[in-house]
Amino acid sequence: MRFSNRQDSGKTVVEVTQARLDASLAQPFRDYLFELIEQGETDLVIDLSQVDFMDSSGLGVIVAALKKVSAQGSIALAEPSKAVNDLFDLTCMDKLFPIHTSVAAALGGLSGE
């Protein structure tokens, strides 16, 4: 399984279990996130600890998910690799997403802390 989720502290933690989040996974990841959101899971923490590489299509999926939940929830990112964090920094998407060093930190800080 490439993605999984669990409930923790009233939020949904989405774990990406692939080393690459690129064009080959963009559509399945989008479908997975959107299905969760449509089921009412609107406070998400995306655990990127296993992702070593993300391209613009992976980034686009996360941005699209943020747009989908923006009025009713939020998305935080947890434990991105340096390369993934650099992508968010380079594209200024780090201004849109709280980025945390761990899932635990993201769970504690999802509400803007």
C-alpha atoms as a PDB file:
ATOM      1  CA  MET A   1       0.000   0.000   0.000  1.00  0.00           C
ATOM      2  CA  ARG A   2       1.386   3.395  -0.978  1.00  0.00           C
ATOM      3  CA  PHE A   3      -0.690   5.460   1.446  1.00  0.00           C
ATOM      4  CA  SER A   4      -2.300   4.809   4.784  1.00  0.00           C
ATOM      5  CA  ASN A   5      -4.053   6.855   7.414  1.00  0.00           C
ATOM      6  CA  ARG A   6      -4.847   6.757  11.084  1.00  0.00           C
ATOM      7  CA  GLN A   7      -6.600   8.926  13.618  1.00  0.00           C
ATOM      8  CA  ASP A   8      -4.516  10.683  16.245  1.00  0.00           C
ATOM      9  CA  SER A   9      -5.541  13.540  18.530  1.00  0.00           C
ATOM     10  CA  GLY A  10      -8.696  14.151  16.473  1.00  0.00           C
ATOM     11  CA  LYS A  11      -6.728  14.561  13.252  1.00  0.00           C
ATOM     12  CA  THR A  12      -6.035  12.265  10.311  1.00  0.00           C
ATOM     13  CA  VAL A  13      -2.385  11.351   9.801  1.00  0.00           C
ATOM     14  CA  VAL A  14      -1.728  10.371   6.182  1.00  0.00           C
ATOM     15  CA  GLU A  15       1.448   8.385   5.706  1.00  0.00           C
ATOM     16  CA  VAL A  16       3.095   8.230   2.289  1.00  0.00           C
ATOM     17  CA  THR A  17       5.004   4.950   2.161  1.00  0.00           C
ATOM     18  CA  GLN A  18       6.877   5.577  -1.092  1.00  0.00           C
ATOM     19  CA  ALA A  19      10.305   7.132  -1.573  1.00  0.00           C
ATOM     20  CA  ARG A  20       9.122   9.166  -4.570  1.00  0.00           C
ATOM     21  CA  LEU A  21       6.009  11.298  -4.759  1.00  0.00           C
ATOM     22  CA  ASP A  22       6.067  12.155  -8.437  1.00  0.00           C
ATOM     23  CA  ALA A  23       3.885  12.079 -11.547  1.00  0.00           C
ATOM     24  CA  SER A  24       3.440   8.304 -11.315  1.00  0.00           C
ATOM     25  CA  LEU A  25       1.762   8.640  -7.893  1.00  0.00           C
ATOM     26  CA  ALA A  26       0.119  12.042  -8.247  1.00  0.00           C
ATOM     27  CA  GLN A  27      -3.312  10.848  -9.393  1.00  0.00           C
ATOM     28  CA  PRO A  28      -3.612   7.956  -6.903  1.00  0.00           C
ATOM     29  CA  PHE A  29      -2.462  10.270  -4.087  1.00  0.00           C
ATOM     30  CA  ARG A  30      -4.941  12.953  -5.149  1.00  0.00           C
ATOM     31  CA  ASP A  31      -7.753  10.382  -5.248  1.00  0.00           C
ATOM     32  CA  TYR A  32      -6.751   9.085  -1.805  1.00  0.00           C
ATOM     33  CA  LEU A  33      -6.634  12.551  -0.202  1.00  0.00           C
ATOM     34  CA  PHE A  34      -9.831  13.754  -1.849  1.00  0.00           C
ATOM     35  CA  GLU A  35     -11.701  10.632  -0.746  1.00  0.00           C
ATOM     36  CA  LEU A  36     -10.609  11.256   2.856  1.00  0.00           C
ATOM     37  CA  ILE A  37     -11.690  14.900   2.613  1.00  0.00           C
ATOM     38  CA  GLU A  38     -15.056  13.950   1.125  1.00  0.00           C
ATOM     39  CA  GLN A  39     -15.534  11.554   4.051  1.00  0.00           C
ATOM     40  CA  GLY A  40     -15.159  14.526   6.397  1.00  0.00           C
ATOM     41  CA  GLU A  41     -11.485  14.179   7.299  1.00  0.00           C
ATOM     42  CA  THR A  42     -10.477  17.824   6.959  1.00  0.00           C
ATOM     43  CA  ASP A  43      -7.698  18.233   9.545  1.00  0.00           C
ATOM     44  CA  LEU A  44      -4.813  16.369   7.939  1.00  0.00           C
ATOM     45  CA  VAL A  45      -1.189  15.799   8.834  1.00  0.00           C
ATOM     46  CA  ILE A  46       0.767  14.432   5.879  1.00  0.00           C
ATOM     47  CA  ASP A  47       3.713  12.357   7.081  1.00  0.00           C
ATOM     48  CA  LEU A  48       6.463  12.753   4.494  1.00  0.00           C
ATOM     49  CA  SER A  49       9.174  10.975   6.493  1.00  0.00           C
ATOM     50  CA  GLN A  50       9.572   8.207   3.897  1.00  0.00           C
ATOM     51  CA  VAL A  51       9.538  10.518   0.857  1.00  0.00           C
ATOM     52  CA  ASP A  52      13.014  11.267  -0.496  1.00  0.00           C
ATOM     53  CA  PHE A  53      11.877  13.003  -3.691  1.00  0.00           C
ATOM     54  CA  MET A  54       8.838  15.034  -4.679  1.00  0.00           C
ATOM     55  CA  ASP A  55       8.259  16.763  -8.002  1.00  0.00           C
ATOM     56  CA  SER A  56       5.807  19.486  -8.981  1.00  0.00           C
ATOM     57  CA  SER A  57       2.985  17.008  -9.545  1.00  0.00           C
ATOM     58  CA  GLY A  58       3.275  15.709  -5.977  1.00  0.00           C
ATOM     59  CA  LEU A  59       3.404  19.269  -4.713  1.00  0.00           C
ATOM     60  CA  GLY A  60       0.361  20.123  -6.842  1.00  0.00           C
ATOM     61  CA  VAL A  61      -1.669  17.360  -5.213  1.00  0.00           C
ATOM     62  CA  ILE A  62      -0.942  18.697  -1.731  1.00  0.00           C
ATOM     63  CA  VAL A  63      -1.837  22.244  -2.824  1.00  0.00           C
ATOM     64  CA  ALA A  64      -5.096  20.985  -4.400  1.00  0.00           C
ATOM     65  CA  ALA A  65      -5.966  19.172  -1.177  1.00  0.00           C
ATOM     66  CA  LEU A  66      -5.327  22.373   0.792  1.00  0.00           C
ATOM     67  CA  LYS A  67      -7.708  24.273  -1.499  1.00  0.00           C
ATOM     68  CA  LYS A  68     -10.327  21.569  -0.967  1.00  0.00           C
ATOM     69  CA  VAL A  69     -10.147  21.758   2.853  1.00  0.00           C
ATOM     70  CA  SER A  70      -9.296  25.447   3.247  1.00  0.00           C
ATOM     71  CA  ALA A  71     -12.731  26.604   4.357  1.00  0.00           C
ATOM     72  CA  GLN A  72     -13.291  23.760   6.779  1.00  0.00           C
ATOM     73  CA  GLY A  73      -9.926  22.406   7.909  1.00  0.00           C
ATOM     74  CA  SER A  74      -6.179  22.499   7.455  1.00  0.00           C
ATOM     75  CA  ILE A  75      -3.160  20.529   6.324  1.00  0.00           C
ATOM     76  CA  ALA A  76       0.175  20.313   8.097  1.00  0.00           C
ATOM     77  CA  LEU A  77       3.270  18.551   6.814  1.00  0.00           C
ATOM     78  CA  ALA A  78       5.510  16.392   8.972  1.00  0.00           C
ATOM     79  CA  GLU A  79       9.131  15.347   8.698  1.00  0.00           C
ATOM     80  CA  PRO A  80       9.977  16.172   5.085  1.00  0.00           C
ATOM     81  CA  SER A  81      13.450  15.238   3.867  1.00  0.00           C
ATOM     82  CA  LYS A  82      15.835  18.068   3.058  1.00  0.00           C
ATOM     83  CA  ALA A  83      15.092  17.695  -0.675  1.00  0.00           C
ATOM     84  CA  VAL A  84      11.329  17.841  -0.119  1.00  0.00           C
ATOM     85  CA  ASN A  85      11.649  20.742   2.310  1.00  0.00           C
ATOM     86  CA  ASP A  86      13.827  22.574  -0.249  1.00  0.00           C
ATOM     87  CA  LEU A  87      11.067  22.141  -2.864  1.00  0.00           C
ATOM     88  CA  PHE A  88       8.524  23.778  -0.550  1.00  0.00           C
ATOM     89  CA  ASP A  89      10.999  26.564   0.212  1.00  0.00           C
ATOM     90  CA  LEU A  90      11.967  27.130  -3.437  1.00  0.00           C
ATOM     91  CA  THR A  91       8.324  27.368  -4.532  1.00  0.00           C
ATOM     92  CA  CYS A  92       7.343  29.475  -1.479  1.00  0.00           C
ATOM     93  CA  MET A  93       4.776  26.829  -0.564  1.00  0.00           C
ATOM     94  CA  ASP A  94       6.357  26.772   2.881  1.00  0.00           C
ATOM     95  CA  LYS A  95       4.317  29.943   3.450  1.00  0.00           C
ATOM     96  CA  LEU A  96       1.054  28.003   2.904  1.00  0.00           C
ATOM     97  CA  PHE A  97       1.785  24.909   4.960  1.00  0.00           C
ATOM     98  CA  PRO A  98       2.962  24.509   8.517  1.00  0.00           C
ATOM     99  CA  ILE A  99       5.993  22.220   8.223  1.00  0.00           C
ATOM    100  CA  HIS A 100       7.023  20.291  11.337  1.00  0.00           C
ATOM    101  CA  THR A 101       9.969  18.107  12.243  1.00  0.00           C
ATOM    102  CA  SER A 102       7.753  15.233  13.420  1.00  0.00           C
ATOM    103  CA  VAL A 103       4.189  13.968  13.319  1.00  0.00           C
ATOM    104  CA  ALA A 104       3.881  14.632  17.048  1.00  0.00           C
ATOM    105  CA  ALA A 105       4.875  18.274  16.534  1.00  0.00           C
ATOM    106  CA  ALA A 106       2.417  18.588  13.642  1.00  0.00           C
ATOM    107  CA  LEU A 107      -0.405  17.141  15.744  1.00  0.00           C
ATOM    108  CA  GLY A 108       0.313  19.691  18.442  1.00  0.00           C
ATOM    109  CA  GLY A 109       0.637  22.591  16.020  1.00  0.00           C
ATOM    110  CA  LEU A 110      -2.025  22.017  13.372  1.00  0.00           C
ATOM    111  CA  SER A 111      -4.210  24.821  14.652  1.00  0.00           C
ATOM    112  CA  GLY A 112      -1.556  27.414  13.922  1.00  0.00           C
ATOM    113  CA  GLU A 113       0.648  26.929  17.001  1.00  0.00           C
END
